[in-house]
Protein backbone atom coordinates (compact mmCIF):
# COMPACT_ATOMS: atom_id res chain seq x y z
CA MET A 1 169.03 -221.87 79.31
CA SER A 2 170.72 -220.96 82.59
CA ASP A 3 167.78 -222.28 84.70
CA SER A 4 167.10 -225.32 82.50
CA SER A 5 166.64 -228.75 83.81
CA VAL A 6 168.68 -231.57 82.15
CA LEU A 7 167.73 -235.17 81.22
CA VAL A 8 170.53 -237.61 80.43
CA VAL A 9 169.34 -240.86 78.88
CA ALA A 10 171.73 -243.78 79.50
CA PRO A 11 171.38 -247.24 77.95
CA HIS A 12 173.26 -248.69 80.97
CA PRO A 13 174.68 -247.68 84.27
CA ASP A 14 178.01 -245.90 83.51
CA ASP A 15 177.20 -244.58 80.00
CA GLU A 16 176.10 -241.26 81.48
CA ILE A 17 179.39 -240.89 83.28
CA LEU A 18 181.58 -242.08 80.41
CA GLY A 19 179.86 -239.73 77.89
CA ALA A 20 178.64 -236.77 79.92
CA GLY A 21 179.96 -237.14 83.55
CA GLY A 22 181.85 -233.83 83.45
CA THR A 23 179.01 -231.92 81.85
CA ILE A 24 176.60 -233.43 84.39
CA ALA A 25 178.91 -232.21 87.21
CA LYS A 26 179.06 -228.71 85.49
CA TYR A 27 175.33 -228.38 85.12
CA ALA A 28 174.76 -229.54 88.75
CA ALA A 29 177.32 -227.01 90.01
CA ASP A 30 175.35 -224.29 88.19
CA GLY A 31 172.30 -225.27 90.16
CA ARG A 32 170.49 -227.15 87.44
CA GLU A 33 168.35 -230.23 88.15
CA VAL A 34 169.91 -233.19 86.35
CA THR A 35 167.84 -236.41 85.98
CA VAL A 36 169.48 -239.61 84.64
CA LEU A 37 167.16 -242.20 82.99
CA THR A 38 168.86 -245.51 82.70
CA VAL A 39 166.99 -247.77 80.25
CA SER A 40 168.60 -251.17 80.97
CA GLY A 41 170.86 -253.00 83.34
CA HIS A 42 172.94 -256.10 83.95
CA LEU A 43 170.01 -258.31 84.47
CA PRO A 44 168.99 -262.00 83.76
CA PRO A 45 169.14 -263.79 81.41
CA LEU A 46 172.74 -262.68 80.64
CA TYR A 47 173.68 -261.65 84.06
CA PRO A 48 172.91 -262.87 87.59
CA PRO A 49 170.71 -260.66 89.78
CA GLU A 50 173.74 -259.73 92.00
CA ALA A 51 175.42 -258.12 89.00
CA TYR A 52 172.59 -255.70 88.59
CA THR A 53 172.53 -254.86 92.29
CA ARG A 54 176.23 -254.22 92.24
CA THR A 55 176.09 -251.83 89.19
CA VAL A 56 173.20 -249.95 90.71
CA GLN A 57 175.27 -249.34 93.91
CA GLU A 58 178.09 -248.27 91.82
CA MET A 59 175.83 -245.92 89.86
CA GLU A 60 174.41 -244.39 93.00
CA MET A 61 177.91 -243.53 94.28
CA ALA A 62 178.81 -242.10 90.91
CA HIS A 63 175.66 -239.95 90.73
CA GLU A 64 176.28 -238.51 94.19
CA LEU A 65 179.75 -237.37 93.12
CA VAL A 66 178.57 -235.59 89.97
CA GLY A 67 175.39 -234.13 91.56
CA VAL A 68 172.57 -236.05 89.88
CA SER A 69 169.25 -234.95 91.30
CA GLU A 70 167.17 -237.99 90.42
CA ALA A 71 167.86 -241.41 88.89
CA ILE A 72 165.10 -243.35 87.09
CA SER A 73 165.52 -246.91 85.85
CA LEU A 74 163.44 -248.86 83.41
CA GLU A 75 165.13 -252.18 84.25
CA ILE A 76 165.20 -253.73 80.87
CA PRO A 77 167.72 -256.57 80.56
CA ALA A 78 170.99 -255.39 78.82
CA THR A 79 171.16 -256.15 75.05
CA PHE A 80 167.47 -256.88 75.06
CA ILE A 81 166.25 -253.28 74.60
CA HIS A 82 165.63 -253.81 70.86
CA ARG A 83 163.22 -256.61 71.79
CA GLU A 84 160.87 -254.25 73.68
CA PRO A 85 157.75 -253.26 71.75
CA VAL A 86 158.82 -250.08 70.06
CA HIS A 87 155.73 -248.07 71.12
CA GLU A 88 156.22 -249.12 74.69
CA LEU A 89 159.95 -248.15 74.88
CA ASN A 90 159.08 -244.78 73.17
CA ALA A 91 156.25 -244.15 75.58
CA SER A 92 158.43 -244.98 78.70
CA ILE A 93 161.07 -242.43 77.60
CA TYR A 94 158.37 -239.84 76.57
CA LYS A 95 156.68 -240.15 80.05
CA VAL A 96 159.96 -239.13 81.69
CA ILE A 97 160.29 -236.11 79.36
CA GLU A 98 156.60 -235.29 80.04
CA ASP A 99 157.17 -235.43 83.82
CA LYS A 100 160.55 -233.77 84.09
CA GLU A 101 160.07 -231.13 81.22
CA PRO A 102 163.79 -230.81 80.50
CA SER A 103 165.15 -228.07 78.45
CA ILE A 104 168.31 -230.14 77.62
CA VAL A 105 168.26 -233.79 76.65
CA LEU A 106 171.50 -235.74 76.20
CA CYS A 107 171.25 -239.19 74.63
CA PRO A 108 173.77 -241.88 73.33
CA TYR A 109 175.10 -241.74 69.87
CA PRO A 110 174.02 -244.67 67.72
CA ASP A 111 177.31 -246.69 67.91
CA ARG A 112 178.57 -250.26 67.88
CA HIS A 113 176.29 -251.32 70.89
CA ILE A 114 172.82 -252.41 69.94
CA ASP A 115 171.35 -251.00 73.08
CA HIS A 116 172.80 -247.57 72.23
CA GLN A 117 171.19 -247.75 68.79
CA ALA A 118 167.75 -248.66 70.25
CA VAL A 119 167.96 -245.99 72.86
CA PHE A 120 168.94 -243.33 70.33
CA GLU A 121 166.01 -244.29 68.09
CA ALA A 122 163.51 -244.15 71.02
CA VAL A 123 164.81 -240.74 72.25
CA MET A 124 164.54 -239.32 68.66
CA VAL A 125 160.80 -240.26 68.71
CA ALA A 126 160.16 -239.34 72.33
CA SER A 127 161.79 -235.87 72.00
CA ARG A 128 160.01 -234.76 68.75
CA PRO A 129 159.17 -231.08 68.96
CA VAL A 130 155.44 -231.58 69.73
CA LYS A 131 153.72 -231.55 73.16
CA ALA A 132 156.26 -232.10 75.89
CA GLY A 133 159.09 -232.34 73.33
CA SER A 134 158.52 -228.83 72.18
CA LYS A 135 159.94 -227.55 75.52
CA ILE A 136 163.35 -229.10 74.71
CA GLU A 137 165.74 -226.50 73.57
CA LEU A 138 168.85 -228.60 73.11
CA LEU A 139 168.99 -232.23 72.03
CA ALA A 140 172.50 -233.66 71.66
CA ALA A 141 174.20 -237.06 71.54
CA TYR A 142 177.22 -237.98 73.57
CA GLU A 143 179.97 -240.43 72.69
CA THR A 144 180.77 -243.57 74.72
CA PRO A 145 184.47 -244.46 74.98
CA SER A 146 184.76 -248.23 74.19
CA GLU A 147 181.74 -248.15 71.77
CA THR A 148 181.39 -245.01 69.67
CA GLN A 149 184.90 -245.27 68.24
CA TRP A 150 184.18 -248.81 66.99
CA ASN A 151 181.72 -247.92 64.23
CA ALA A 152 182.84 -248.88 60.69
CA PRO A 153 184.11 -245.59 59.04
CA HIS A 154 181.89 -244.34 56.28
CA ILE A 155 179.66 -247.45 56.38
CA GLU A 156 178.10 -246.32 59.68
CA PRO A 157 177.84 -242.79 61.06
CA ASN A 158 181.00 -241.31 62.41
CA PHE A 159 180.86 -239.32 65.53
CA THR A 160 182.02 -235.83 64.77
CA PRO A 161 181.31 -233.46 67.59
CA ASN A 162 180.00 -229.95 66.78
CA TRP A 163 179.74 -228.91 70.49
CA VAL A 164 182.51 -229.46 73.09
CA VAL A 165 181.93 -228.65 76.81
CA ASP A 166 184.89 -227.47 78.71
CA ILE A 167 185.16 -229.86 81.68
CA SER A 168 188.63 -228.79 82.81
CA GLU A 169 187.35 -228.08 86.26
CA GLN A 170 185.21 -231.25 86.42
CA ILE A 171 187.60 -233.87 84.94
CA GLU A 172 188.75 -235.26 88.36
CA THR A 173 185.26 -235.47 89.52
CA LYS A 174 184.35 -237.31 86.24
CA LEU A 175 187.18 -239.77 86.72
CA GLU A 176 186.30 -240.29 90.36
CA ALA A 177 182.75 -241.04 89.45
CA PHE A 178 183.84 -243.42 86.71
CA ARG A 179 186.07 -245.27 89.18
CA CYS A 180 183.01 -246.06 91.20
CA PHE A 181 182.08 -248.60 88.46
CA GLU A 182 184.69 -251.09 89.55
CA SER A 183 182.85 -253.96 87.87
CA GLN A 184 183.01 -252.13 84.48
CA ILE A 185 186.53 -250.75 84.33
CA SER A 186 188.98 -252.17 81.92
CA GLU A 187 192.65 -253.05 82.59
CA PRO A 188 194.93 -250.04 82.51
CA TYR A 189 194.93 -248.37 79.02
CA GLY A 190 192.06 -250.58 77.91
CA SER A 191 189.10 -249.11 75.97
CA ARG A 192 187.06 -248.68 79.22
CA SER A 193 189.80 -247.47 81.56
CA ALA A 194 190.46 -244.29 83.48
CA GLU A 195 193.33 -243.65 81.17
CA ALA A 196 191.24 -243.94 78.09
CA VAL A 197 188.57 -241.69 79.55
CA ARG A 198 191.16 -239.04 80.41
CA ALA A 199 192.84 -239.28 77.02
CA MET A 200 189.52 -238.80 75.26
CA ALA A 201 188.87 -235.74 77.39
CA ILE A 202 192.30 -234.34 76.57
CA PHE A 203 191.71 -234.95 72.83
CA ARG A 204 188.28 -233.29 72.80
CA GLY A 205 189.63 -230.41 74.84
CA SER A 206 192.56 -230.00 72.44
CA GLN A 207 190.13 -229.66 69.54
CA SER A 208 188.51 -226.63 71.17
CA GLY A 209 191.40 -224.93 72.92
CA PHE A 210 190.98 -225.99 76.53
CA PRO A 211 192.65 -228.81 78.69
CA TYR A 212 189.69 -231.24 78.92
CA GLY A 213 186.43 -231.59 77.07
CA GLU A 214 183.37 -233.72 76.33
CA GLY A 215 182.15 -233.83 72.76
CA PHE A 216 178.53 -233.88 71.66
CA HIS A 217 176.75 -233.93 68.40
CA VAL A 218 173.88 -231.34 68.49
CA ILE A 219 170.79 -232.83 66.86
CA ARG A 220 168.44 -229.92 67.47
CA MET A 221 168.95 -226.57 69.23
CA VAL A 222 166.45 -223.65 69.49
CA SER A 223 166.64 -220.28 71.26
């Protein structure tokens, strides 16, 4: 998969950096085309229009740092993804898969956030191994610090990575990209803080024998 293109599906601006920012930077440095599909954003009715404008600007700065080739947005209001007609949401994500023909697809783990659950379900349908989906060689779910760790143990699925990417050379780039999202960052040592993101990377790296890592759950892999 050395020449494969990559599609990262993010429920909101910043999820792709939180969950896979180091991996995106690593793939981009290897010369792979990385597309980020952002499904929803901070839009009315819950947020004023200027909140969306700000997060998009933050996202653009972050994407430039990690080397994203193209950003696509569906512009569904945050927390309203599950209200979209299922067939329309599935079709919108499938169209991107059909257009970009990625070999690698990274999606959110179905965690505490209802948007993450809805996007995960839609990606599972859109990436089925038929037609355009048959070209996907690796489908994996990333964790999102501040959400994935809040699932109810044993009642809901627990995130247990079976693939960890060494991002030791990319960790500072990931953190710099994350800091672009000034509107989303927690207070120091909060669940959505640079300290928490670094700590998670240290923990995942320690599980696999290197300084910093990003954990994923492989859903399907072919070779």
